[in-house]
């Protein structure tokens, strides 16, 4: 499903990645670890092809970073769900309309929009919050809306970029458990974090970034 092959990436003549290679299968759960600034977000951006490697290639499904055309980027990104650390919800819209906006941009019919929103809000336990504004929700609730938004288009792969970075330990574990349940239903997940206690709580394949290289640690995850 996903392959990095001899990928190199540099910023301002400083090499961030030096010929890294790994693969990921359909339905797999993968932790991406490393210190702040090690390149976790940059690696995720190469998957949705917001960043292009200086050498090597990234392959996701039928898309290849060396060959992809600009018009194909929206098609690729519809097969991904992205969860951000800072939530990125539309502050002037309630939760229902935040989710509806995602589907309206891809011309989903209104009846289908309602069905999908009901499904994802049930999945994250927030059906009672559909009319609330983001400012009326706790940080954990806002991130659960972020998860709902990420899965509403039924992606093949969810990219979670430090999704618990602004949350307390108990809420962080709840977010991880939500993503584990989504993964158990068949959606692949990459969970980027520098919270090693969280990683220890759920043994899974882990890619650790350090000094431009990666170390793959398999702890028996799916």
C-alpha atoms as a PDB file:
ATOM      1  CA  UNK A   1       0.000   0.000   0.000  1.00  0.00           C
ATOM      2  CA  UNK A   2       2.797   2.433   0.952  1.00  0.00           C
ATOM      3  CA  UNK A   3       6.497   2.348   0.124  1.00  0.00           C
ATOM      4  CA  UNK A   4       9.398   4.706   0.735  1.00  0.00           C
ATOM      5  CA  UNK A   5      12.345   3.735  -1.464  1.00  0.00           C
ATOM      6  CA  UNK A   6      15.765   5.331  -0.878  1.00  0.00           C
ATOM      7  CA  UNK A   7      14.110   8.637   0.031  1.00  0.00           C
ATOM      8  CA  UNK A   8      16.264  11.693   0.631  1.00  0.00           C
ATOM      9  CA  UNK A   9      14.953  15.070   1.798  1.00  0.00           C
ATOM     10  CA  UNK A  10      16.895  18.245   2.529  1.00  0.00           C
ATOM     11  CA  UNK A  11      16.071  21.750   3.758  1.00  0.00           C
ATOM     12  CA  UNK A  12      18.517  24.641   3.319  1.00  0.00           C
ATOM     13  CA  UNK A  13      21.299  22.181   2.386  1.00  0.00           C
ATOM     14  CA  UNK A  14      20.640  20.273   5.618  1.00  0.00           C
ATOM     15  CA  UNK A  15      19.761  16.627   5.035  1.00  0.00           C
ATOM     16  CA  UNK A  16      16.662  15.567   6.975  1.00  0.00           C
ATOM     17  CA  UNK A  17      16.392  12.045   5.541  1.00  0.00           C
ATOM     18  CA  UNK A  18      19.208  10.020   4.012  1.00  0.00           C
ATOM     19  CA  UNK A  19      18.028   7.130   1.816  1.00  0.00           C
ATOM     20  CA  UNK A  20      15.246   5.837   4.064  1.00  0.00           C
ATOM     21  CA  UNK A  21      13.200   2.828   2.945  1.00  0.00           C
ATOM     22  CA  UNK A  22      10.206   1.047   4.451  1.00  0.00           C
ATOM     23  CA  UNK A  23       6.850  -0.450   3.458  1.00  0.00           C
ATOM     24  CA  UNK A  24       3.393  -0.519   5.024  1.00  0.00           C
ATOM     25  CA  UNK A  25       0.574  -2.949   4.308  1.00  0.00           C
ATOM     26  CA  UNK A  26      -3.174  -2.454   4.067  1.00  0.00           C
ATOM     27  CA  UNK A  27      -4.804  -2.422   7.499  1.00  0.00           C
ATOM     28  CA  UNK A  28      -1.551  -2.002   9.416  1.00  0.00           C
ATOM     29  CA  UNK A  29      -1.071   0.213  12.504  1.00  0.00           C
ATOM     30  CA  UNK A  30       2.261   1.996  12.606  1.00  0.00           C
ATOM     31  CA  UNK A  31       3.777   4.338  15.174  1.00  0.00           C
ATOM     32  CA  UNK A  32       6.142   7.022  13.883  1.00  0.00           C
ATOM     33  CA  UNK A  33       8.431   8.235  16.661  1.00  0.00           C
ATOM     34  CA  UNK A  34      11.309  10.644  17.086  1.00  0.00           C
ATOM     35  CA  UNK A  35      12.233  13.840  18.871  1.00  0.00           C
ATOM     36  CA  UNK A  36      10.521  17.123  18.019  1.00  0.00           C
ATOM     37  CA  UNK A  37      12.089  18.381  14.797  1.00  0.00           C
ATOM     38  CA  UNK A  38      13.287  14.941  13.721  1.00  0.00           C
ATOM     39  CA  UNK A  39      11.092  14.967  10.612  1.00  0.00           C
ATOM     40  CA  UNK A  40       7.868  13.163  11.546  1.00  0.00           C
ATOM     41  CA  UNK A  41       5.600  15.794   9.984  1.00  0.00           C
ATOM     42  CA  UNK A  42       7.808  16.019   6.900  1.00  0.00           C
ATOM     43  CA  UNK A  43       7.585  12.272   6.398  1.00  0.00           C
ATOM     44  CA  UNK A  44       3.785  12.437   6.599  1.00  0.00           C
ATOM     45  CA  UNK A  45       3.717  15.342   4.155  1.00  0.00           C
ATOM     46  CA  UNK A  46       5.641  13.225   1.653  1.00  0.00           C
ATOM     47  CA  UNK A  47       2.852  10.628   1.849  1.00  0.00           C
ATOM     48  CA  UNK A  48       0.166  13.117   0.840  1.00  0.00           C
ATOM     49  CA  UNK A  49       2.741  14.625  -1.519  1.00  0.00           C
ATOM     50  CA  UNK A  50       2.789  18.104  -0.073  1.00  0.00           C
ATOM     51  CA  UNK A  51       6.576  17.641  -0.012  1.00  0.00           C
ATOM     52  CA  UNK A  52       8.590  16.042  -2.804  1.00  0.00           C
ATOM     53  CA  UNK A  53      11.714  14.017  -1.964  1.00  0.00           C
ATOM     54  CA  UNK A  54      15.023  15.262  -3.358  1.00  0.00           C
ATOM     55  CA  UNK A  55      15.848  11.686  -4.342  1.00  0.00           C
ATOM     56  CA  UNK A  56      14.150   8.301  -4.214  1.00  0.00           C
ATOM     57  CA  UNK A  57      10.399   7.876  -4.395  1.00  0.00           C
ATOM     58  CA  UNK A  58       7.263   7.531  -2.317  1.00  0.00           C
ATOM     59  CA  UNK A  59       4.545   5.205  -3.582  1.00  0.00           C
ATOM     60  CA  UNK A  60       1.011   5.210  -2.186  1.00  0.00           C
ATOM     61  CA  UNK A  61      -1.459   2.893  -3.895  1.00  0.00           C
ATOM     62  CA  UNK A  62      -1.176   3.681  -7.624  1.00  0.00           C
ATOM     63  CA  UNK A  63       0.498   7.059  -7.037  1.00  0.00           C
ATOM     64  CA  UNK A  64       4.242   7.680  -7.289  1.00  0.00           C
ATOM     65  CA  UNK A  65       5.970  10.883  -6.152  1.00  0.00           C
ATOM     66  CA  UNK A  66       8.298  10.722  -9.159  1.00  0.00           C
ATOM     67  CA  UNK A  67       5.457  10.606 -11.678  1.00  0.00           C
ATOM     68  CA  UNK A  68       2.339  12.137 -10.109  1.00  0.00           C
ATOM     69  CA  UNK A  69       0.678  15.020 -11.928  1.00  0.00           C
ATOM     70  CA  UNK A  70      -0.716  18.040 -10.082  1.00  0.00           C
ATOM     71  CA  UNK A  71      -4.285  17.215 -11.161  1.00  0.00           C
ATOM     72  CA  UNK A  72      -3.973  13.800  -9.474  1.00  0.00           C
ATOM     73  CA  UNK A  73      -3.181  15.207  -6.008  1.00  0.00           C
ATOM     74  CA  UNK A  74      -6.848  15.724  -4.968  1.00  0.00           C
ATOM     75  CA  UNK A  75      -7.620  12.114  -5.960  1.00  0.00           C
ATOM     76  CA  UNK A  76      -4.721  10.820  -3.859  1.00  0.00           C
ATOM     77  CA  UNK A  77      -5.699  12.923  -0.848  1.00  0.00           C
ATOM     78  CA  UNK A  78      -9.292  11.671  -0.877  1.00  0.00           C
ATOM     79  CA  UNK A  79      -7.865   8.255  -0.030  1.00  0.00           C
ATOM     80  CA  UNK A  80      -6.171   9.681   3.063  1.00  0.00           C
ATOM     81  CA  UNK A  81      -7.500  11.082   6.322  1.00  0.00           C
ATOM     82  CA  UNK A  82      -5.305  13.571   8.188  1.00  0.00           C
ATOM     83  CA  UNK A  83      -5.496  14.454  11.894  1.00  0.00           C
ATOM     84  CA  UNK A  84      -3.556  17.497  13.102  1.00  0.00           C
ATOM     85  CA  UNK A  85      -2.210  18.358  16.551  1.00  0.00           C
ATOM     86  CA  UNK A  86      -3.936  21.765  16.591  1.00  0.00           C
ATOM     87  CA  UNK A  87      -7.371  20.403  15.473  1.00  0.00           C
ATOM     88  CA  UNK A  88      -7.886  22.932  12.598  1.00  0.00           C
ATOM     89  CA  UNK A  89     -11.666  23.113  12.951  1.00  0.00           C
ATOM     90  CA  UNK A  90     -13.664  25.951  11.380  1.00  0.00           C
ATOM     91  CA  UNK A  91     -14.415  28.133  14.387  1.00  0.00           C
ATOM     92  CA  UNK A  92     -17.543  29.789  12.946  1.00  0.00           C
ATOM     93  CA  UNK A  93     -19.373  26.520  12.169  1.00  0.00           C
ATOM     94  CA  UNK A  94     -20.889  23.902  14.417  1.00  0.00           C
ATOM     95  CA  UNK A  95     -19.568  20.358  14.412  1.00  0.00           C
ATOM     96  CA  UNK A  96     -22.153  19.073  11.939  1.00  0.00           C
ATOM     97  CA  UNK A  97     -21.265  21.811   9.448  1.00  0.00           C
ATOM     98  CA  UNK A  98     -17.535  21.295   9.953  1.00  0.00           C
ATOM     99  CA  UNK A  99     -18.005  17.715   8.815  1.00  0.00           C
ATOM    100  CA  UNK A 100     -20.489  18.586   6.075  1.00  0.00           C
ATOM    101  CA  UNK A 101     -17.973  21.020   4.573  1.00  0.00           C
ATOM    102  CA  UNK A 102     -15.521  18.162   3.920  1.00  0.00           C
ATOM    103  CA  UNK A 103     -18.136  16.246   1.926  1.00  0.00           C
ATOM    104  CA  UNK A 104     -19.619  19.239   0.120  1.00  0.00           C
ATOM    105  CA  UNK A 105     -16.239  19.988  -1.462  1.00  0.00           C
ATOM    106  CA  UNK A 106     -16.354  16.552  -3.127  1.00  0.00           C
ATOM    107  CA  UNK A 107     -19.991  16.898  -4.281  1.00  0.00           C
ATOM    108  CA  UNK A 108     -21.451  14.209  -2.034  1.00  0.00           C
ATOM    109  CA  UNK A 109     -25.270  14.216  -2.100  1.00  0.00           C
ATOM    110  CA  UNK A 110     -27.073  15.718   0.915  1.00  0.00           C
ATOM    111  CA  UNK A 111     -28.705  12.449   1.994  1.00  0.00           C
ATOM    112  CA  UNK A 112     -25.324  10.707   1.961  1.00  0.00           C
ATOM    113  CA  UNK A 113     -23.752  13.613   3.861  1.00  0.00           C
ATOM    114  CA  UNK A 114     -26.251  13.226   6.703  1.00  0.00           C
ATOM    115  CA  UNK A 115     -25.695   9.460   6.842  1.00  0.00           C
ATOM    116  CA  UNK A 116     -21.902   9.721   6.935  1.00  0.00           C
ATOM    117  CA  UNK A 117     -21.913  12.448   9.586  1.00  0.00           C
ATOM    118  CA  UNK A 118     -24.202  10.375  11.804  1.00  0.00           C
ATOM    119  CA  UNK A 119     -21.914   7.367  11.355  1.00  0.00           C
ATOM    120  CA  UNK A 120     -18.657   9.142  12.206  1.00  0.00           C
ATOM    121  CA  UNK A 121     -20.099  11.060  15.164  1.00  0.00           C
ATOM    122  CA  UNK A 122     -21.392   7.772  16.551  1.00  0.00           C
ATOM    123  CA  UNK A 123     -17.933   6.267  15.995  1.00  0.00           C
ATOM    124  CA  UNK A 124     -16.265   8.955  18.139  1.00  0.00           C
ATOM    125  CA  UNK A 125     -19.103   9.272  20.668  1.00  0.00           C
ATOM    126  CA  UNK A 126     -20.119  12.844  19.845  1.00  0.00           C
ATOM    127  CA  UNK A 127     -23.629  12.628  18.384  1.00  0.00           C
ATOM    128  CA  UNK A 128     -24.848  14.850  21.236  1.00  0.00           C
ATOM    129  CA  UNK A 129     -22.387  17.566  20.195  1.00  0.00           C
ATOM    130  CA  UNK A 130     -23.381  17.941  16.555  1.00  0.00           C
ATOM    131  CA  UNK A 131     -24.808  21.468  17.085  1.00  0.00           C
ATOM    132  CA  UNK A 132     -21.954  22.704  19.307  1.00  0.00           C
ATOM    133  CA  UNK A 133     -19.296  25.144  18.155  1.00  0.00           C
ATOM    134  CA  UNK A 134     -15.640  24.079  18.487  1.00  0.00           C
ATOM    135  CA  UNK A 135     -15.151  26.660  21.258  1.00  0.00           C
ATOM    136  CA  UNK A 136     -17.761  24.824  23.342  1.00  0.00           C
ATOM    137  CA  UNK A 137     -15.812  21.546  23.235  1.00  0.00           C
ATOM    138  CA  UNK A 138     -12.885  20.345  25.314  1.00  0.00           C
ATOM    139  CA  UNK A 139      -9.548  19.674  23.629  1.00  0.00           C
ATOM    140  CA  UNK A 140     -10.230  15.948  23.635  1.00  0.00           C
ATOM    141  CA  UNK A 141     -13.661  16.434  22.077  1.00  0.00           C
ATOM    142  CA  UNK A 142     -12.213  18.695  19.397  1.00  0.00           C
ATOM    143  CA  UNK A 143      -9.645  16.051  18.513  1.00  0.00           C
ATOM    144  CA  UNK A 144     -12.381  13.415  18.310  1.00  0.00           C
ATOM    145  CA  UNK A 145     -14.091  15.701  15.782  1.00  0.00           C
ATOM    146  CA  UNK A 146     -10.731  15.763  14.004  1.00  0.00           C
ATOM    147  CA  UNK A 147     -10.816  11.964  13.888  1.00  0.00           C
ATOM    148  CA  UNK A 148     -14.403  12.021  12.582  1.00  0.00           C
ATOM    149  CA  UNK A 149     -13.357  14.453   9.863  1.00  0.00           C
ATOM    150  CA  UNK A 150     -10.400  12.236   8.919  1.00  0.00           C
ATOM    151  CA  UNK A 151     -12.509   9.100   8.446  1.00  0.00           C
ATOM    152  CA  UNK A 152     -15.621  10.639   6.884  1.00  0.00           C
ATOM    153  CA  UNK A 153     -14.416   9.943   3.339  1.00  0.00           C
ATOM    154  CA  UNK A 154     -13.656   6.309   4.254  1.00  0.00           C
ATOM    155  CA  UNK A 155      -9.897   6.581   3.647  1.00  0.00           C
ATOM    156  CA  UNK A 156      -7.474   3.740   3.077  1.00  0.00           C
ATOM    157  CA  UNK A 157      -4.949   5.333   5.432  1.00  0.00           C
ATOM    158  CA  UNK A 158      -5.243   7.796   8.342  1.00  0.00           C
ATOM    159  CA  UNK A 159      -2.241  10.001   9.116  1.00  0.00           C
ATOM    160  CA  UNK A 160      -2.282  11.263  12.714  1.00  0.00           C
ATOM    161  CA  UNK A 161       0.326  14.018  13.160  1.00  0.00           C
ATOM    162  CA  UNK A 162       1.001  14.338  16.910  1.00  0.00           C
ATOM    163  CA  UNK A 163      -2.760  14.074  17.600  1.00  0.00           C
ATOM    164  CA  UNK A 164      -2.257  14.008  21.376  1.00  0.00           C
ATOM    165  CA  UNK A 165       0.414  16.714  21.610  1.00  0.00           C
ATOM    166  CA  UNK A 166      -1.955  19.214  23.267  1.00  0.00           C
ATOM    167  CA  UNK A 167      -3.835  16.728  25.445  1.00  0.00           C
ATOM    168  CA  UNK A 168      -3.476  15.299  28.953  1.00  0.00           C
ATOM    169  CA  UNK A 169      -2.381  11.649  29.411  1.00  0.00           C
ATOM    170  CA  UNK A 170      -5.880  10.258  30.024  1.00  0.00           C
ATOM    171  CA  UNK A 171      -7.371  12.010  26.998  1.00  0.00           C
ATOM    172  CA  UNK A 172      -4.350  10.992  24.904  1.00  0.00           C
ATOM    173  CA  UNK A 173      -5.058   7.352  25.671  1.00  0.00           C
ATOM    174  CA  UNK A 174      -8.709   7.825  24.658  1.00  0.00           C
ATOM    175  CA  UNK A 175      -7.599   9.240  21.296  1.00  0.00           C
ATOM    176  CA  UNK A 176      -5.217   6.318  20.760  1.00  0.00           C
ATOM    177  CA  UNK A 177      -8.001   3.856  21.611  1.00  0.00           C
ATOM    178  CA  UNK A 178     -10.317   5.538  19.092  1.00  0.00           C
ATOM    179  CA  UNK A 179      -7.705   5.114  16.381  1.00  0.00           C
ATOM    180  CA  UNK A 180      -7.101   1.498  17.406  1.00  0.00           C
ATOM    181  CA  UNK A 181     -10.816   0.750  16.924  1.00  0.00           C
ATOM    182  CA  UNK A 182     -10.765   2.393  13.498  1.00  0.00           C
ATOM    183  CA  UNK A 183      -7.709   0.331  12.602  1.00  0.00           C
ATOM    184  CA  UNK A 184      -9.397  -2.880  13.757  1.00  0.00           C
ATOM    185  CA  UNK A 185     -12.131  -2.226  11.184  1.00  0.00           C
ATOM    186  CA  UNK A 186      -9.538  -2.309   8.417  1.00  0.00           C
ATOM    187  CA  UNK A 187      -8.240   1.264   8.020  1.00  0.00           C
ATOM    188  CA  UNK A 188      -4.462   1.627   8.140  1.00  0.00           C
ATOM    189  CA  UNK A 189      -3.127   4.200  10.634  1.00  0.00           C
ATOM    190  CA  UNK A 190       0.184   6.027  11.026  1.00  0.00           C
ATOM    191  CA  UNK A 191       0.340   7.633  14.473  1.00  0.00           C
ATOM    192  CA  UNK A 192       3.191  10.151  14.813  1.00  0.00           C
ATOM    193  CA  UNK A 193       4.197  10.932  18.387  1.00  0.00           C
ATOM    194  CA  UNK A 194       7.091  11.654  20.722  1.00  0.00           C
ATOM    195  CA  UNK A 195       5.046  10.286  23.650  1.00  0.00           C
ATOM    196  CA  UNK A 196       6.839   7.003  24.309  1.00  0.00           C
ATOM    197  CA  UNK A 197       4.548   6.085  27.207  1.00  0.00           C
ATOM    198  CA  UNK A 198       1.675   6.047  24.734  1.00  0.00           C
ATOM    199  CA  UNK A 199       3.642   3.808  22.385  1.00  0.00           C
ATOM    200  CA  UNK A 200       4.388   1.383  25.223  1.00  0.00           C
ATOM    201  CA  UNK A 201       0.657   1.076  25.962  1.00  0.00           C
ATOM    202  CA  UNK A 202      -0.045  -0.468  22.543  1.00  0.00           C
ATOM    203  CA  UNK A 203       2.637  -2.757  21.094  1.00  0.00           C
ATOM    204  CA  UNK A 204       2.767  -2.161  17.339  1.00  0.00           C
ATOM    205  CA  UNK A 205       5.250  -1.795  14.521  1.00  0.00           C
ATOM    206  CA  UNK A 206       7.237   1.396  15.086  1.00  0.00           C
ATOM    207  CA  UNK A 207       9.434   3.479  12.813  1.00  0.00           C
ATOM    208  CA  UNK A 208      11.841   5.591  14.853  1.00  0.00           C
ATOM    209  CA  UNK A 209      13.514   8.586  13.193  1.00  0.00           C
ATOM    210  CA  UNK A 210      16.979   9.521  14.383  1.00  0.00           C
ATOM    211  CA  UNK A 211      19.727  11.606  12.734  1.00  0.00           C
ATOM    212  CA  UNK A 212      18.346  11.313   9.221  1.00  0.00           C
ATOM    213  CA  UNK A 213      17.795   7.578   9.325  1.00  0.00           C
ATOM    214  CA  UNK A 214      15.088   5.242  10.559  1.00  0.00           C
ATOM    215  CA  UNK A 215      14.979   2.180  12.772  1.00  0.00           C
ATOM    216  CA  UNK A 216      12.099  -0.260  12.359  1.00  0.00           C
ATOM    217  CA  UNK A 217      10.945  -1.915  15.550  1.00  0.00           C
ATOM    218  CA  UNK A 218       8.306  -4.622  15.352  1.00  0.00           C
ATOM    219  CA  UNK A 219       6.542  -5.173  18.672  1.00  0.00           C
ATOM    220  CA  UNK A 220       3.991  -7.602  17.301  1.00  0.00           C
ATOM    221  CA  UNK A 221       1.335  -5.117  16.206  1.00  0.00           C
ATOM    222  CA  UNK A 222      -1.115  -5.820  13.413  1.00  0.00           C
END
